[in-house]
């Protein structure tokens, strides 16, 4: 099949973690049915140029520009849509961006959209449930709840959509949650998940799983696919770090109240997120690992993800 006969997948956020995983999966499959149109705010960036060098078509567009998005989607078969709450930390902007993308997808007549989303935490913690503080008057975990509200926008417009429910990124361990070396020289993995299992995934595998969904055609249109790579306790993740780094790593459970009391922006949101992970068993239960692997056979385990990146922890 020539490149001109292949179906175009538009990847919003193609230089980010999730979209980049999808773009690279399509580009690596030279015999596949799809080509990549990478949407980026800066086509001259190093990451965008790396995708272009591998064969991606680059389009500059911003999710705040509906006309630009519609133009980027024209003539394409499908699109992968993602927002980045942490760029602005505004659930209202999150929903507005999703609405613009949904309307652009409808206008362009896309045959299949994958929307990267999350659960509505208010189904477990109603707004009047005082076990968890309500934030911004309307949300329990804003970056979850706003995405879940946006799900309805795609349905209301009749956009043929797969809701791809993601989860905690292991990539967070490369920054905010990296194991820390104490004054005694020992490494500690400090997290607020008590003794519960956390559904985690390599961000790259979100994109790879999206590719598997596109490859299955219309099978998952109108359906929700909840994904993870493994379900692990803090002790199990610390043990994996120990194996890969070759030295003991100890898990310490940090109470969510301690996180909530911090003064950095988003501390209350982060605390509520981890409280949801701890107290909502349905979150892990919704993520059937064997099913995810049937869509993405190369799904990484935590050990595999760590082994590939152990150099990044060399100075831990």
Protein backbone atom coordinates (compact mmCIF):
# COMPACT_ATOMS: atom_id res chain seq x y z
CA UNK A 1 0.00 0.00 0.00
CA UNK A 2 1.44 3.39 -0.99
CA UNK A 3 1.55 6.24 1.49
CA UNK A 4 -1.13 8.05 -0.48
CA UNK A 5 -3.56 5.13 -0.02
CA UNK A 6 -3.20 5.06 3.75
CA UNK A 7 -5.63 6.54 6.25
CA UNK A 8 -4.56 9.69 8.06
CA UNK A 9 -4.61 9.73 11.86
CA UNK A 10 -4.38 13.23 13.30
CA UNK A 11 -2.52 13.21 16.60
CA UNK A 12 -3.16 16.17 18.89
CA UNK A 13 -0.31 16.56 21.34
CA UNK A 14 1.99 14.58 19.08
CA UNK A 15 5.10 15.91 20.83
CA UNK A 16 3.76 14.95 24.27
CA UNK A 17 3.84 11.64 26.11
CA UNK A 18 0.53 10.11 25.01
CA UNK A 19 0.29 11.50 21.49
CA UNK A 20 3.99 10.88 20.92
CA UNK A 21 3.51 7.21 21.78
CA UNK A 22 0.78 6.91 19.14
CA UNK A 23 2.72 8.85 16.51
CA UNK A 24 5.80 6.70 17.01
CA UNK A 25 3.76 3.48 16.94
CA UNK A 26 2.22 4.40 13.58
CA UNK A 27 5.54 5.56 12.12
CA UNK A 28 7.27 2.36 13.24
CA UNK A 29 4.69 0.22 11.41
CA UNK A 30 5.76 0.78 7.83
CA UNK A 31 3.39 -1.92 6.57
CA UNK A 32 0.39 -0.58 8.49
CA UNK A 33 -2.73 1.10 7.16
CA UNK A 34 -2.13 4.55 8.68
CA UNK A 35 0.02 7.66 8.41
CA UNK A 36 0.49 10.42 10.97
CA UNK A 37 -0.54 14.05 10.81
CA UNK A 38 1.07 15.53 13.91
CA UNK A 39 -0.57 18.58 15.43
CA UNK A 40 1.83 20.76 17.37
CA UNK A 41 1.94 24.33 18.57
CA UNK A 42 5.52 24.63 17.32
CA UNK A 43 6.50 22.71 14.20
CA UNK A 44 10.09 23.92 14.54
CA UNK A 45 10.57 22.22 17.91
CA UNK A 46 13.10 19.42 18.23
CA UNK A 47 10.41 16.83 19.01
CA UNK A 48 8.24 17.91 16.06
CA UNK A 49 11.18 17.81 13.69
CA UNK A 50 12.11 14.33 14.94
CA UNK A 51 8.62 13.13 14.00
CA UNK A 52 8.87 14.80 10.59
CA UNK A 53 12.19 13.08 9.99
CA UNK A 54 10.44 9.75 10.57
CA UNK A 55 7.71 10.57 8.06
CA UNK A 56 5.03 12.48 9.96
CA UNK A 57 3.16 15.37 8.34
CA UNK A 58 3.37 18.41 10.64
CA UNK A 59 0.51 20.85 11.16
CA UNK A 60 0.68 23.84 13.48
CA UNK A 61 -2.54 24.32 15.41
CA UNK A 62 -3.70 25.13 18.90
CA UNK A 63 -6.65 23.54 20.69
CA UNK A 64 -7.97 27.02 21.47
CA UNK A 65 -8.38 27.62 17.70
CA UNK A 66 -11.40 25.67 16.44
CA UNK A 67 -10.98 26.76 12.82
CA UNK A 68 -7.35 25.68 12.88
CA UNK A 69 -8.29 22.32 14.37
CA UNK A 70 -11.01 21.76 11.77
CA UNK A 71 -8.49 22.45 9.01
CA UNK A 72 -5.99 20.07 10.63
CA UNK A 73 -8.66 17.33 10.73
CA UNK A 74 -9.87 17.75 7.13
CA UNK A 75 -9.42 14.68 4.95
CA UNK A 76 -8.35 12.50 7.84
CA UNK A 77 -9.81 9.16 8.90
CA UNK A 78 -9.43 9.62 12.63
CA UNK A 79 -7.86 11.59 15.45
CA UNK A 80 -6.39 11.10 18.89
CA UNK A 81 -7.44 13.92 21.19
CA UNK A 82 -5.83 14.85 24.50
CA UNK A 83 -5.71 17.93 26.71
CA UNK A 84 -3.10 18.94 29.27
CA UNK A 85 -4.81 20.14 32.42
CA UNK A 86 -1.49 20.87 34.10
CA UNK A 87 -0.65 23.57 31.53
CA UNK A 88 -3.39 25.80 32.96
CA UNK A 89 -5.03 23.87 35.85
CA UNK A 90 -8.46 25.09 34.78
CA UNK A 91 -11.27 22.51 34.44
CA UNK A 92 -13.35 25.06 32.54
CA UNK A 93 -10.60 25.51 29.94
CA UNK A 94 -10.21 21.73 29.82
CA UNK A 95 -13.88 21.36 28.87
CA UNK A 96 -13.74 24.28 26.42
CA UNK A 97 -10.71 22.79 24.65
CA UNK A 98 -12.44 19.39 24.45
CA UNK A 99 -15.58 21.02 23.07
CA UNK A 100 -13.61 22.77 20.32
CA UNK A 101 -11.92 19.52 19.36
CA UNK A 102 -15.25 17.65 19.37
CA UNK A 103 -16.90 20.26 17.14
CA UNK A 104 -13.89 20.28 14.79
CA UNK A 105 -14.00 16.47 14.58
CA UNK A 106 -17.70 16.63 13.74
CA UNK A 107 -17.19 19.35 11.12
CA UNK A 108 -14.39 17.39 9.46
CA UNK A 109 -16.47 14.21 9.41
CA UNK A 110 -13.90 12.03 11.15
CA UNK A 111 -14.75 8.32 11.16
CA UNK A 112 -13.09 7.49 14.50
CA UNK A 113 -11.95 9.65 17.40
CA UNK A 114 -10.11 8.43 20.49
CA UNK A 115 -10.55 10.81 23.41
CA UNK A 116 -8.07 10.45 26.28
CA UNK A 117 -10.15 10.75 29.42
CA UNK A 118 -10.66 9.68 33.04
CA UNK A 119 -13.41 8.69 35.45
CA UNK A 120 -15.80 11.10 37.16
CA UNK A 121 -14.66 10.81 40.78
CA UNK A 122 -17.97 12.26 41.98
CA UNK A 123 -19.59 8.93 41.26
CA UNK A 124 -17.60 7.61 44.24
CA UNK A 125 -17.32 10.84 46.25
CA UNK A 126 -20.50 12.92 45.75
CA UNK A 127 -20.04 16.65 46.28
CA UNK A 128 -21.69 16.45 49.70
CA UNK A 129 -19.34 13.66 50.82
CA UNK A 130 -17.12 15.33 53.44
CA UNK A 131 -14.54 12.53 53.36
CA UNK A 132 -12.92 14.48 50.53
CA UNK A 133 -12.86 18.28 50.16
CA UNK A 134 -14.80 19.73 47.24
CA UNK A 135 -12.59 21.88 45.02
CA UNK A 136 -13.63 24.94 42.99
CA UNK A 137 -17.18 24.40 44.24
CA UNK A 138 -18.00 21.72 41.66
CA UNK A 139 -15.30 19.05 41.59
CA UNK A 140 -13.61 16.46 43.75
CA UNK A 141 -10.66 15.79 41.42
CA UNK A 142 -10.92 18.53 38.75
CA UNK A 143 -8.64 17.01 36.12
CA UNK A 144 -10.58 13.74 36.31
CA UNK A 145 -14.06 15.22 36.56
CA UNK A 146 -13.66 17.80 33.79
CA UNK A 147 -12.48 15.14 31.32
CA UNK A 148 -15.43 12.93 32.31
CA UNK A 149 -17.86 15.79 31.72
CA UNK A 150 -16.28 16.34 28.31
CA UNK A 151 -17.11 12.73 27.37
CA UNK A 152 -20.71 13.85 26.95
CA UNK A 153 -19.75 16.49 24.41
CA UNK A 154 -18.61 13.86 21.91
CA UNK A 155 -21.77 11.80 22.44
CA UNK A 156 -24.05 14.82 22.10
CA UNK A 157 -22.48 15.75 18.76
CA UNK A 158 -22.60 12.20 17.46
CA UNK A 159 -18.85 11.99 17.00
CA UNK A 160 -17.82 8.30 16.58
CA UNK A 161 -15.66 8.09 19.69
CA UNK A 162 -13.76 5.62 21.83
CA UNK A 163 -13.32 6.85 25.40
CA UNK A 164 -9.79 5.83 26.42
CA UNK A 165 -9.58 6.04 30.20
CA UNK A 166 -5.97 6.42 31.23
CA UNK A 167 -4.33 6.24 34.65
CA UNK A 168 -1.24 7.15 36.70
CA UNK A 169 1.86 7.57 34.50
CA UNK A 170 4.98 5.75 35.67
CA UNK A 171 6.82 8.61 33.97
CA UNK A 172 5.98 10.67 37.07
CA UNK A 173 8.77 8.73 38.79
CA UNK A 174 11.24 10.53 36.52
CA UNK A 175 10.35 13.79 38.25
CA UNK A 176 7.98 14.62 41.09
CA UNK A 177 7.84 11.15 42.65
CA UNK A 178 11.40 9.94 42.01
CA UNK A 179 12.93 7.90 44.86
CA UNK A 180 14.83 10.18 47.22
CA UNK A 181 18.10 9.47 49.01
CA UNK A 182 17.97 10.29 52.69
CA UNK A 183 20.70 11.53 54.99
CA UNK A 184 21.45 7.88 55.80
CA UNK A 185 22.19 7.21 52.12
CA UNK A 186 19.19 4.93 51.64
CA UNK A 187 16.59 5.36 48.89
CA UNK A 188 12.93 5.88 49.75
CA UNK A 189 9.90 5.82 47.48
CA UNK A 190 7.35 8.09 49.14
CA UNK A 191 3.77 7.93 47.84
CA UNK A 192 0.25 8.52 49.10
CA UNK A 193 -1.37 5.20 48.18
CA UNK A 194 -1.39 3.59 51.64
CA UNK A 195 -1.23 -0.19 51.11
CA UNK A 196 -3.50 -0.22 48.07
CA UNK A 197 -2.65 -1.25 44.51
CA UNK A 198 -2.16 1.59 42.06
CA UNK A 199 -3.06 1.16 38.39
CA UNK A 200 -0.07 2.53 36.49
CA UNK A 201 1.14 2.63 32.91
CA UNK A 202 4.02 3.81 30.74
CA UNK A 203 2.78 6.96 29.01
CA UNK A 204 4.14 5.56 25.73
CA UNK A 205 1.76 2.61 26.09
CA UNK A 206 -1.26 4.89 26.13
CA UNK A 207 -0.42 5.87 22.56
CA UNK A 208 0.46 2.31 21.59
CA UNK A 209 -2.87 1.07 22.93
CA UNK A 210 -4.67 3.82 21.02
CA UNK A 211 -2.94 2.52 17.88
CA UNK A 212 -4.23 -0.98 18.63
CA UNK A 213 -7.75 0.45 18.91
CA UNK A 214 -7.47 2.22 15.56
CA UNK A 215 -6.20 -1.01 14.01
CA UNK A 216 -9.35 -2.83 15.14
CA UNK A 217 -11.49 -0.51 13.00
CA UNK A 218 -14.95 0.33 14.31
CA UNK A 219 -14.95 -2.35 17.05
CA UNK A 220 -14.45 0.13 19.90
CA UNK A 221 -16.47 3.07 18.60
CA UNK A 222 -19.03 4.04 21.23
CA UNK A 223 -17.16 2.07 23.89
CA UNK A 224 -15.03 2.89 26.93
CA UNK A 225 -11.61 1.23 27.19
CA UNK A 226 -9.93 1.57 30.60
CA UNK A 227 -6.22 0.87 30.56
CA UNK A 228 -3.21 0.16 32.78
CA UNK A 229 0.09 -1.69 32.49
CA UNK A 230 0.18 -3.20 35.99
CA UNK A 231 -1.55 -2.88 39.37
CA UNK A 232 1.10 -2.56 42.07
CA UNK A 233 1.36 -1.61 45.73
CA UNK A 234 3.98 0.83 46.96
CA UNK A 235 5.99 -2.07 48.38
CA UNK A 236 5.86 -3.87 45.02
CA UNK A 237 7.04 -0.76 43.16
CA UNK A 238 9.85 -0.23 45.68
CA UNK A 239 10.89 -3.86 45.21
CA UNK A 240 11.02 -3.29 41.43
CA UNK A 241 13.22 -0.23 41.96
CA UNK A 242 15.45 -2.34 44.22
CA UNK A 243 15.84 -5.04 41.54
CA UNK A 244 16.62 -2.60 38.76
CA UNK A 245 18.85 -0.19 40.71
CA UNK A 246 20.67 -2.94 42.56
CA UNK A 247 20.20 -1.42 46.02
CA UNK A 248 17.41 -1.39 48.61
CA UNK A 249 14.52 1.01 48.03
CA UNK A 250 11.93 1.34 50.80
CA UNK A 251 8.33 2.43 50.33
CA UNK A 252 6.96 5.03 52.74
CA UNK A 253 3.21 5.70 52.78
CA UNK A 254 2.61 9.46 53.03
CA UNK A 255 -0.83 10.34 54.44
CA UNK A 256 -2.89 12.37 51.96
CA UNK A 257 -3.47 14.95 54.70
CA UNK A 258 0.23 15.79 54.60
CA UNK A 259 0.08 16.35 50.84
CA UNK A 260 -3.08 18.44 51.24
CA UNK A 261 -1.34 20.69 53.75
CA UNK A 262 1.49 21.60 51.35
CA UNK A 263 1.56 25.06 49.79
CA UNK A 264 2.57 24.25 46.21
CA UNK A 265 -0.04 24.89 43.46
CA UNK A 266 -2.30 21.88 43.00
CA UNK A 267 -1.47 20.23 46.35
CA UNK A 268 -5.16 19.84 47.18
CA UNK A 269 -5.85 18.34 43.75
CA UNK A 270 -2.93 15.92 44.11
CA UNK A 271 -4.11 14.85 47.57
CA UNK A 272 -7.65 14.24 46.31
CA UNK A 273 -6.28 12.26 43.36
CA UNK A 274 -4.40 9.87 45.62
CA UNK A 275 -7.31 9.63 48.04
CA UNK A 276 -9.44 8.54 45.10
CA UNK A 277 -6.86 5.91 44.14
CA UNK A 278 -6.85 4.61 47.72
CA UNK A 279 -10.58 4.60 48.40
CA UNK A 280 -12.19 3.77 45.02
CA UNK A 281 -11.47 0.07 44.30
CA UNK A 282 -13.55 0.24 41.13
CA UNK A 283 -10.76 2.27 39.48
CA UNK A 284 -8.34 -0.67 39.48
CA UNK A 285 -11.14 -3.20 38.89
CA UNK A 286 -12.12 -1.45 35.63
CA UNK A 287 -8.65 -2.04 34.18
CA UNK A 288 -8.37 -5.62 32.92
CA UNK A 289 -4.70 -6.08 32.12
CA UNK A 290 -5.21 -9.14 29.92
CA UNK A 291 -7.75 -7.20 27.86
CA UNK A 292 -5.38 -4.24 27.50
CA UNK A 293 -2.61 -6.61 26.40
CA UNK A 294 -4.94 -8.08 23.76
CA UNK A 295 -5.08 -4.60 22.20
CA UNK A 296 -1.43 -3.76 22.83
CA UNK A 297 0.64 -6.98 22.94
CA UNK A 298 3.81 -4.98 23.67
CA UNK A 299 2.32 -3.54 26.89
CA UNK A 300 5.20 -2.91 29.30
CA UNK A 301 5.43 -4.15 32.85
CA UNK A 302 6.79 -1.81 35.49
CA UNK A 303 10.07 -3.77 35.61
CA UNK A 304 10.46 -3.45 31.85
CA UNK A 305 9.73 0.28 31.96
CA UNK A 306 12.23 0.78 34.79
CA UNK A 307 14.93 -1.33 33.16
CA UNK A 308 14.76 0.83 30.03
CA UNK A 309 15.18 4.00 32.09
CA UNK A 310 17.43 2.95 34.93
CA UNK A 311 20.10 5.37 33.75
CA UNK A 312 17.76 8.22 34.64
CA UNK A 313 17.88 7.11 38.29
CA UNK A 314 21.64 6.69 38.43
CA UNK A 315 22.04 9.77 40.60
CA UNK A 316 19.16 8.94 42.92
